[in-house]
Amino acid sequence: MPRRNRKGRRPGQRPRRYHSARESRRERRELTVLDEQAAPAVAPECGNCLEWLPPRADALAARGKCIHPASGVLAPDADMPGCHVFSARR
């Protein structure tokens, strides 16, 4: 039988971080809520997307261009709401 100390741990074993599985689930839930609250720093607009290229200097290109084929829009305006494949610049 392995030797254990007064707290029931083997030598070299790390102490428990949580008392129960319920405690660890609660902390994970709190962290995800905090992440969701901090996430909307950048509004999902086409002008803020990594897949959006701004218009060039020529007169024919009045709009930008979306280089992601799954967006469904080839030439969106800069202030158009972002699609489901939006990826923020920041």
C-alpha atoms as a PDB file:
ATOM      1  CA  MET A   1       0.000   0.000   0.000  1.00  0.00           C
ATOM      2  CA  PRO A   2       1.421   3.437  -0.907  1.00  0.00           C
ATOM      3  CA  ARG A   3       2.432   5.732   1.901  1.00  0.00           C
ATOM      4  CA  ARG A   4       0.244   8.771   2.483  1.00  0.00           C
ATOM      5  CA  ASN A   5       0.559  11.830   4.671  1.00  0.00           C
ATOM      6  CA  ARG A   6      -2.042  13.183   7.122  1.00  0.00           C
ATOM      7  CA  LYS A   7      -4.139  14.773   4.364  1.00  0.00           C
ATOM      8  CA  GLY A   8      -4.354  11.539   2.387  1.00  0.00           C
ATOM      9  CA  ARG A   9      -1.908  12.540  -0.336  1.00  0.00           C
ATOM     10  CA  ARG A  10       1.032  10.571  -1.587  1.00  0.00           C
ATOM     11  CA  PRO A  11       4.495  12.157  -1.346  1.00  0.00           C
ATOM     12  CA  GLY A  12       5.074  14.476  -4.316  1.00  0.00           C
ATOM     13  CA  GLN A  13       1.374  14.734  -5.138  1.00  0.00           C
ATOM     14  CA  ARG A  14       0.068  18.262  -5.657  1.00  0.00           C
ATOM     15  CA  PRO A  15      -2.702  19.557  -3.397  1.00  0.00           C
ATOM     16  CA  ARG A  16      -6.214  19.782  -4.819  1.00  0.00           C
ATOM     17  CA  ARG A  17      -7.211  23.086  -6.335  1.00  0.00           C
ATOM     18  CA  TYR A  18     -10.923  22.566  -5.739  1.00  0.00           C
ATOM     19  CA  HIS A  19     -12.769  20.768  -3.005  1.00  0.00           C
ATOM     20  CA  SER A  20     -15.277  19.243  -5.409  1.00  0.00           C
ATOM     21  CA  ALA A  21     -16.131  18.946  -9.089  1.00  0.00           C
ATOM     22  CA  ARG A  22     -19.045  21.315  -8.495  1.00  0.00           C
ATOM     23  CA  GLU A  23     -16.654  24.063  -7.421  1.00  0.00           C
ATOM     24  CA  SER A  24     -14.510  23.656 -10.539  1.00  0.00           C
ATOM     25  CA  ARG A  25     -17.588  23.757 -12.809  1.00  0.00           C
ATOM     26  CA  ARG A  26     -18.788  26.924 -11.067  1.00  0.00           C
ATOM     27  CA  GLU A  27     -15.462  28.670 -11.644  1.00  0.00           C
ATOM     28  CA  ARG A  28     -15.351  27.616 -15.308  1.00  0.00           C
ATOM     29  CA  ARG A  29     -18.878  28.959 -15.786  1.00  0.00           C
ATOM     30  CA  GLU A  30     -17.936  32.288 -14.179  1.00  0.00           C
ATOM     31  CA  LEU A  31     -14.863  32.607 -16.396  1.00  0.00           C
ATOM     32  CA  THR A  32     -16.859  31.973 -19.582  1.00  0.00           C
ATOM     33  CA  VAL A  33     -19.412  34.612 -18.546  1.00  0.00           C
ATOM     34  CA  LEU A  34     -16.608  37.118 -17.960  1.00  0.00           C
ATOM     35  CA  ASP A  35     -15.073  36.283 -21.367  1.00  0.00           C
ATOM     36  CA  GLU A  36     -18.420  36.765 -23.119  1.00  0.00           C
ATOM     37  CA  GLN A  37     -18.883  40.145 -21.453  1.00  0.00           C
ATOM     38  CA  ALA A  38     -15.407  41.344 -22.492  1.00  0.00           C
ATOM     39  CA  ALA A  39     -15.605  40.044 -26.089  1.00  0.00           C
ATOM     40  CA  PRO A  40     -17.818  42.669 -27.806  1.00  0.00           C
ATOM     41  CA  ALA A  41     -15.073  45.332 -27.830  1.00  0.00           C
ATOM     42  CA  VAL A  42     -15.038  45.451 -31.634  1.00  0.00           C
ATOM     43  CA  ALA A  43     -18.380  45.810 -33.433  1.00  0.00           C
ATOM     44  CA  PRO A  44     -18.822  43.128 -36.108  1.00  0.00           C
ATOM     45  CA  GLU A  45     -18.769  45.383 -39.179  1.00  0.00           C
ATOM     46  CA  CYS A  46     -17.148  44.547 -42.502  1.00  0.00           C
ATOM     47  CA  GLY A  47     -14.691  47.427 -42.114  1.00  0.00           C
ATOM     48  CA  ASN A  48     -13.324  45.806 -38.913  1.00  0.00           C
ATOM     49  CA  CYS A  49     -12.938  42.336 -40.457  1.00  0.00           C
ATOM     50  CA  LEU A  50      -9.635  40.759 -41.470  1.00  0.00           C
ATOM     51  CA  GLU A  51     -11.304  39.365 -44.599  1.00  0.00           C
ATOM     52  CA  TRP A  52     -12.332  42.831 -45.873  1.00  0.00           C
ATOM     53  CA  LEU A  53     -10.061  44.761 -48.234  1.00  0.00           C
ATOM     54  CA  PRO A  54     -10.660  48.530 -48.453  1.00  0.00           C
ATOM     55  CA  PRO A  55     -11.365  50.062 -51.876  1.00  0.00           C
ATOM     56  CA  ARG A  56      -8.468  51.128 -54.050  1.00  0.00           C
ATOM     57  CA  ALA A  57      -7.880  54.645 -55.342  1.00  0.00           C
ATOM     58  CA  ASP A  58      -9.538  54.017 -58.723  1.00  0.00           C
ATOM     59  CA  ALA A  59     -13.034  55.403 -59.346  1.00  0.00           C
ATOM     60  CA  LEU A  60     -14.627  52.081 -60.353  1.00  0.00           C
ATOM     61  CA  ALA A  61     -14.008  50.430 -56.993  1.00  0.00           C
ATOM     62  CA  ALA A  62     -16.415  52.380 -54.813  1.00  0.00           C
ATOM     63  CA  ARG A  63     -16.728  49.568 -52.238  1.00  0.00           C
ATOM     64  CA  GLY A  64     -14.310  47.262 -50.525  1.00  0.00           C
ATOM     65  CA  LYS A  65     -13.998  43.570 -51.248  1.00  0.00           C
ATOM     66  CA  CYS A  66     -14.578  40.540 -49.006  1.00  0.00           C
ATOM     67  CA  ILE A  67     -11.977  37.849 -49.691  1.00  0.00           C
ATOM     68  CA  HIS A  68     -13.765  35.111 -47.724  1.00  0.00           C
ATOM     69  CA  PRO A  69     -15.923  33.088 -50.140  1.00  0.00           C
ATOM     70  CA  ALA A  70     -18.357  31.824 -47.460  1.00  0.00           C
ATOM     71  CA  SER A  71     -19.542  35.323 -46.552  1.00  0.00           C
ATOM     72  CA  GLY A  72     -21.878  35.460 -49.550  1.00  0.00           C
ATOM     73  CA  VAL A  73     -21.174  39.161 -50.239  1.00  0.00           C
ATOM     74  CA  LEU A  74     -18.443  40.106 -52.681  1.00  0.00           C
ATOM     75  CA  ALA A  75     -18.348  43.900 -52.296  1.00  0.00           C
ATOM     76  CA  PRO A  76     -19.798  45.004 -48.938  1.00  0.00           C
ATOM     77  CA  ASP A  77     -19.846  48.543 -47.580  1.00  0.00           C
ATOM     78  CA  ALA A  78     -17.457  49.275 -44.705  1.00  0.00           C
ATOM     79  CA  ASP A  79     -20.308  49.814 -42.226  1.00  0.00           C
ATOM     80  CA  MET A  80     -22.271  46.704 -43.247  1.00  0.00           C
ATOM     81  CA  PRO A  81     -22.876  44.305 -40.322  1.00  0.00           C
ATOM     82  CA  GLY A  82     -20.367  41.478 -40.166  1.00  0.00           C
ATOM     83  CA  CYS A  83     -21.319  38.024 -41.440  1.00  0.00           C
ATOM     84  CA  HIS A  84     -21.014  34.675 -39.646  1.00  0.00           C
ATOM     85  CA  VAL A  85     -17.347  34.369 -40.708  1.00  0.00           C
ATOM     86  CA  PHE A  86     -16.368  37.727 -39.157  1.00  0.00           C
ATOM     87  CA  SER A  87     -12.842  37.754 -37.699  1.00  0.00           C
ATOM     88  CA  ALA A  88     -11.854  40.918 -35.846  1.00  0.00           C
ATOM     89  CA  ARG A  89      -8.688  42.857 -36.672  1.00  0.00           C
ATOM     90  CA  ARG A  90      -7.713  43.100 -33.020  1.00  0.00           C
END
